[in-house]
Amino acid sequence: MQGQKFIVLTAVVMLSHSAALGQFLDIQRGNRAFNRGDYDEAKRYYDKVLTEKEKLEEKKEALFNSASVDYKKKEYENAIKQFESLAQNKDLSPELRADAHYNIGNALVRRAKDLPVEERMKLYEQALSAYKQALALNPRDREAKENYEFVRALLRREEERQRQREQNRQDRNQQDEKQQDQKNSDNQRNQNRQDQESEKNEKKDEKQKQKESEQNPEPRENRNEPMPQNFSKEEAERILNALKENEKELLKKYQMKKSVGSARPEKDW
């Protein structure tokens, strides 16, 4: 990607005017400090001009180069704000405004570098818009066109990566769902097998208990209690009559034995 643009004053400044001469010299000193990488010193010279001048036309070079210092120091927010104040002012020359738009695009791309993907893509889109505006003001700006194509390629790559990440996420979700369904199915089959095995064992135990019960019948509980009998009235009367007859016979036998036992035996002389 092409680097930022910088304004270098020429001798067309009205040197006859002492204030203009001082401004010219301050900007020149700032530019020399800028070129040797002493950005803090360059900033002091540019800020001196900015505080002394009120009209934008008089301090446009100092403002542009002060924004360039912020860009070099990676203070992209400040740089973008200053470049925008130039880019949006229609009273300035199209070339200067085009350069400001160009540098805004560059600052946005630099700022996007370490951001999360969604924010990075958003800044890439804003950078493309800035390059478009630069080209609208200066169609022959080759660097703006090259940077536009470069950032558009970056954005397309991020969009493709985003689509791939989304596809991978969907694939993982589907795979997880399949694995979960398979797990649930396996668990259900295992549970069914366990239930069948348990039922089989219960039936087996029941048959074994029944077999043991038949081989070794258990005594009735409370064996001293009479088992219930169901007799009709006629059967009950017959049994009662039979018992009475038995009692009479037993009484006769008892009396006969008593009579025989009481007789005294005859002596055997």
Protein backbone atom coordinates (compact mmCIF):
# COMPACT_ATOMS: atom_id res chain seq x y z
CA MET A 1 0.00 0.00 0.00
CA GLN A 2 1.28 3.44 -0.91
CA GLY A 3 2.29 5.72 1.98
CA GLN A 4 0.77 8.99 3.12
CA LYS A 5 1.16 12.31 1.35
CA PHE A 6 2.93 15.30 2.77
CA ILE A 7 2.93 19.02 1.87
CA VAL A 8 6.21 20.79 1.23
CA LEU A 9 5.98 24.54 0.90
CA THR A 10 7.69 26.25 -2.01
CA ALA A 11 9.08 29.72 -2.32
CA VAL A 12 5.83 31.08 -3.73
CA VAL A 13 4.90 32.27 -0.26
CA MET A 14 4.92 36.05 0.00
CA LEU A 15 8.31 36.48 1.63
CA SER A 16 7.88 40.26 1.76
CA HIS A 17 5.40 39.89 4.55
CA SER A 18 7.13 39.24 7.87
CA ALA A 19 4.28 37.12 9.27
CA ALA A 20 4.16 35.02 6.14
CA LEU A 21 7.91 34.65 6.26
CA GLY A 22 7.77 33.47 9.88
CA GLN A 23 5.07 30.97 9.01
CA PHE A 24 7.10 29.74 6.07
CA LEU A 25 10.17 29.27 8.23
CA ASP A 26 8.27 27.48 11.00
CA ILE A 27 6.75 25.03 8.55
CA GLN A 28 10.13 24.48 6.90
CA ARG A 29 11.72 23.76 10.29
CA GLY A 30 8.83 21.40 11.10
CA ASN A 31 9.31 19.64 7.77
CA ARG A 32 13.04 19.13 8.38
CA ALA A 33 12.31 17.67 11.83
CA PHE A 34 9.63 15.49 10.29
CA ASN A 35 11.98 14.14 7.63
CA ARG A 36 14.60 13.14 10.21
CA GLY A 37 11.93 11.41 12.33
CA ASP A 38 11.80 13.95 15.14
CA TYR A 39 8.02 14.11 15.18
CA ASP A 40 7.66 15.85 18.53
CA GLU A 41 9.80 18.79 17.38
CA ALA A 42 7.94 18.89 14.06
CA LYS A 43 4.66 18.99 15.95
CA ARG A 44 5.81 22.01 17.99
CA TYR A 45 6.53 24.03 14.86
CA TYR A 46 3.23 23.09 13.22
CA ASP A 47 1.25 23.82 16.38
CA LYS A 48 2.95 27.24 16.61
CA VAL A 49 1.54 28.15 13.20
CA LEU A 50 -1.89 26.73 14.11
CA THR A 51 -2.13 28.90 17.23
CA GLU A 52 -1.01 32.03 15.41
CA LYS A 53 -3.35 31.74 12.42
CA GLU A 54 -7.14 31.79 12.45
CA LYS A 55 -8.09 31.30 8.82
CA LEU A 56 -7.90 27.79 7.46
CA GLU A 57 -6.41 29.07 4.22
CA GLU A 58 -3.45 30.47 6.17
CA LYS A 59 -2.76 27.36 8.23
CA LYS A 60 -3.82 24.56 5.89
CA GLU A 61 -0.24 23.34 5.33
CA ALA A 62 0.53 23.32 9.04
CA LEU A 63 -2.74 21.48 9.77
CA PHE A 64 -2.09 18.92 7.04
CA ASN A 65 1.44 18.23 8.23
CA SER A 66 0.39 18.19 11.91
CA ALA A 67 -2.11 15.44 10.99
CA SER A 68 0.74 13.66 9.21
CA VAL A 69 2.74 13.70 12.47
CA ASP A 70 -0.17 12.09 14.32
CA TYR A 71 -0.33 9.47 11.60
CA LYS A 72 3.38 8.70 12.04
CA LYS A 73 2.92 8.45 15.80
CA LYS A 74 0.03 6.00 15.22
CA GLU A 75 -2.45 8.44 16.74
CA TYR A 76 -4.89 7.68 13.94
CA GLU A 77 -8.01 9.18 15.53
CA ASN A 78 -6.40 12.63 15.80
CA ALA A 79 -4.95 12.34 12.33
CA ILE A 80 -8.33 11.46 10.78
CA LYS A 81 -10.08 14.38 12.50
CA GLN A 82 -7.54 16.90 11.18
CA PHE A 83 -7.55 15.46 7.67
CA GLU A 84 -11.35 15.53 7.63
CA SER A 85 -11.39 19.24 8.49
CA LEU A 86 -9.42 19.77 5.30
CA ALA A 87 -11.18 17.19 3.11
CA GLN A 88 -14.67 18.57 3.84
CA ASN A 89 -13.80 22.22 3.17
CA LYS A 90 -14.86 23.01 -0.36
CA ASP A 91 -13.01 26.32 -0.33
CA LEU A 92 -9.68 24.47 -0.53
CA SER A 93 -8.15 23.18 -3.73
CA PRO A 94 -9.36 19.80 -5.08
CA GLU A 95 -5.79 18.48 -4.98
CA LEU A 96 -5.35 19.27 -1.27
CA ARG A 97 -8.75 17.80 -0.41
CA ALA A 98 -7.97 14.71 -2.49
CA ASP A 99 -4.71 14.21 -0.58
CA ALA A 100 -6.59 14.58 2.71
CA HIS A 101 -9.11 11.91 1.66
CA TYR A 102 -6.25 9.68 0.58
CA ASN A 103 -4.54 9.97 3.98
CA ILE A 104 -7.85 9.35 5.76
CA GLY A 105 -8.10 6.07 3.87
CA ASN A 106 -4.57 5.12 4.88
CA ALA A 107 -5.21 5.98 8.54
CA LEU A 108 -8.37 3.87 8.56
CA VAL A 109 -6.50 0.87 7.16
CA ARG A 110 -3.71 1.24 9.74
CA ARG A 111 -6.22 1.61 12.54
CA ALA A 112 -8.08 -1.54 11.43
CA LYS A 113 -4.98 -3.73 11.61
CA ASP A 114 -5.33 -5.04 15.19
CA LEU A 115 -9.12 -4.87 15.54
CA PRO A 116 -11.57 -7.80 15.56
CA VAL A 117 -12.60 -8.97 12.13
CA GLU A 118 -16.04 -7.31 12.02
CA GLU A 119 -14.68 -3.90 13.05
CA ARG A 120 -11.75 -4.34 10.67
CA MET A 121 -14.05 -4.98 7.75
CA LYS A 122 -16.10 -1.93 8.63
CA LEU A 123 -13.00 0.30 8.58
CA TYR A 124 -11.89 -1.23 5.28
CA GLU A 125 -15.23 -0.17 3.79
CA GLN A 126 -14.75 3.37 5.13
CA ALA A 127 -11.23 3.46 3.67
CA LEU A 128 -12.57 2.45 0.25
CA SER A 129 -15.04 5.32 0.47
CA ALA A 130 -12.20 7.74 1.28
CA TYR A 131 -10.16 6.58 -1.71
CA LYS A 132 -13.20 6.96 -3.95
CA GLN A 133 -13.62 10.55 -2.84
CA ALA A 134 -9.92 11.18 -3.45
CA LEU A 135 -10.27 9.82 -6.99
CA ALA A 136 -13.43 11.86 -7.57
CA LEU A 137 -11.44 15.02 -6.80
CA ASN A 138 -8.29 13.87 -8.59
CA PRO A 139 -8.98 11.06 -11.10
CA ARG A 140 -5.30 10.92 -12.07
CA ASP A 141 -4.20 9.99 -8.54
CA ARG A 142 -2.47 6.67 -9.26
CA GLU A 143 -1.60 6.01 -5.61
CA ALA A 144 -5.23 6.42 -4.54
CA LYS A 145 -6.31 3.95 -7.23
CA GLU A 146 -3.64 1.43 -6.21
CA ASN A 147 -4.59 1.66 -2.54
CA TYR A 148 -8.27 1.32 -3.42
CA GLU A 149 -7.59 -1.93 -5.27
CA PHE A 150 -5.34 -3.16 -2.45
CA VAL A 151 -7.90 -2.53 0.31
CA ARG A 152 -10.72 -3.96 -1.79
CA ALA A 153 -8.70 -7.17 -2.07
CA LEU A 154 -8.21 -7.15 1.72
CA LEU A 155 -11.93 -6.72 2.26
CA ARG A 156 -12.81 -9.53 -0.15
CA ARG A 157 -10.33 -11.81 1.61
CA GLU A 158 -11.88 -11.00 4.99
CA GLU A 159 -15.37 -11.57 3.60
CA GLU A 160 -14.31 -14.94 2.22
CA ARG A 161 -12.71 -15.86 5.53
CA GLN A 162 -15.88 -14.75 7.30
CA ARG A 163 -17.99 -16.96 5.04
CA GLN A 164 -15.59 -19.84 5.61
CA ARG A 165 -15.70 -19.35 9.37
CA GLU A 166 -19.49 -19.26 9.27
CA GLN A 167 -19.56 -22.42 7.15
CA ASN A 168 -17.14 -24.12 9.50
CA ARG A 169 -19.26 -23.06 12.46
CA GLN A 170 -22.38 -24.47 10.80
CA ASP A 171 -20.52 -27.69 9.95
CA ARG A 172 -19.34 -28.01 13.54
CA ASN A 173 -22.85 -27.40 14.83
CA GLN A 174 -24.26 -30.02 12.46
CA GLN A 175 -21.50 -32.43 13.44
CA ASP A 176 -22.18 -31.79 17.11
CA GLU A 177 -25.89 -32.37 16.53
CA LYS A 178 -25.17 -35.63 14.72
CA GLN A 179 -22.84 -36.75 17.48
CA GLN A 180 -25.42 -35.84 20.08
CA ASP A 181 -28.15 -37.67 18.17
CA GLN A 182 -25.87 -40.70 17.84
CA LYS A 183 -25.06 -40.52 21.52
CA ASN A 184 -28.74 -40.28 22.42
CA SER A 185 -29.50 -43.20 20.09
CA ASP A 186 -26.71 -45.29 21.65
CA ASN A 187 -27.92 -44.43 25.12
CA GLN A 188 -31.46 -45.40 24.18
CA ARG A 189 -30.31 -48.72 22.73
CA ASN A 190 -28.24 -49.40 25.83
CA GLN A 191 -31.21 -48.57 28.01
CA ASN A 192 -33.45 -50.84 25.97
CA ARG A 193 -30.93 -53.66 26.27
CA GLN A 194 -30.69 -53.12 29.99
CA ASP A 195 -34.47 -53.10 30.31
CA GLN A 196 -34.76 -56.29 28.28
CA GLU A 197 -31.99 -57.94 30.26
CA SER A 198 -33.58 -56.85 33.51
CA GLU A 199 -36.97 -58.16 32.41
CA LYS A 200 -35.37 -61.42 31.31
CA ASN A 201 -33.62 -61.80 34.66
CA GLU A 202 -36.84 -61.05 36.52
CA LYS A 203 -38.69 -63.73 34.59
CA LYS A 204 -35.86 -66.16 35.19
CA ASP A 205 -35.89 -65.43 38.92
CA GLU A 206 -39.65 -65.81 39.01
CA LYS A 207 -39.47 -69.21 37.30
CA GLN A 208 -36.71 -70.32 39.67
CA LYS A 209 -38.71 -69.27 42.70
CA GLN A 210 -41.77 -71.07 41.36
CA LYS A 211 -39.72 -74.24 40.78
CA GLU A 212 -38.24 -74.11 44.26
CA SER A 213 -41.68 -73.55 45.74
CA GLU A 214 -43.00 -76.65 44.00
CA GLN A 215 -40.06 -78.77 45.18
CA ASN A 216 -40.05 -77.49 48.75
CA PRO A 217 -43.54 -76.37 49.70
CA GLU A 218 -43.52 -74.11 52.64
CA PRO A 219 -45.75 -74.93 55.67
CA ARG A 220 -48.89 -72.98 56.07
CA GLU A 221 -48.58 -70.07 58.38
CA ASN A 222 -50.69 -70.33 61.58
CA ARG A 223 -51.04 -74.09 61.22
CA ASN A 224 -53.02 -74.28 64.49
CA GLU A 225 -55.83 -72.45 62.84
CA PRO A 226 -58.46 -74.70 61.24
CA MET A 227 -58.82 -74.60 57.55
CA PRO A 228 -62.19 -73.28 56.56
CA GLN A 229 -64.75 -75.86 55.43
CA ASN A 230 -67.92 -75.14 53.55
CA PHE A 231 -70.75 -77.61 54.31
CA SER A 232 -74.34 -77.48 53.27
CA LYS A 233 -77.07 -77.67 55.95
CA GLU A 234 -77.94 -81.30 55.08
CA GLU A 235 -74.27 -82.37 55.22
CA ALA A 236 -73.86 -80.70 58.58
CA GLU A 237 -76.92 -82.51 59.98
CA ARG A 238 -75.66 -85.90 58.71
CA ILE A 239 -72.26 -85.33 60.30
CA LEU A 240 -73.89 -84.30 63.56
CA ASN A 241 -76.13 -87.38 63.59
CA ALA A 242 -73.16 -89.60 62.85
CA LEU A 243 -71.28 -88.12 65.77
CA LYS A 244 -74.23 -88.79 68.07
CA GLU A 245 -74.42 -92.42 66.97
CA ASN A 246 -70.68 -92.80 67.57
CA GLU A 247 -71.07 -91.40 71.05
CA LYS A 248 -73.81 -93.98 71.84
CA GLU A 249 -71.66 -96.86 70.62
CA LEU A 250 -68.69 -95.68 72.63
CA LEU A 251 -70.86 -95.38 75.72
CA LYS A 252 -72.09 -98.97 75.31
CA LYS A 253 -68.56 -100.32 74.93
CA TYR A 254 -67.44 -98.41 77.97
CA GLN A 255 -70.29 -99.79 80.07
CA MET A 256 -69.60 -103.35 78.92
CA LYS A 257 -65.93 -103.19 79.81
CA LYS A 258 -66.77 -101.78 83.21
CA SER A 259 -69.24 -104.54 83.96
CA VAL A 260 -66.84 -107.26 82.95
CA GLY A 261 -63.99 -105.80 84.90
CA SER A 262 -66.00 -105.61 88.14
CA ALA A 263 -66.83 -109.34 88.27
CA ARG A 264 -64.83 -111.31 90.79
CA PRO A 265 -63.09 -114.37 89.42
CA GLU A 266 -63.81 -117.75 90.81
CA LYS A 267 -61.13 -119.41 92.99
CA ASP A 268 -59.09 -122.18 91.53
CA TRP A 269 -59.02 -124.54 94.47
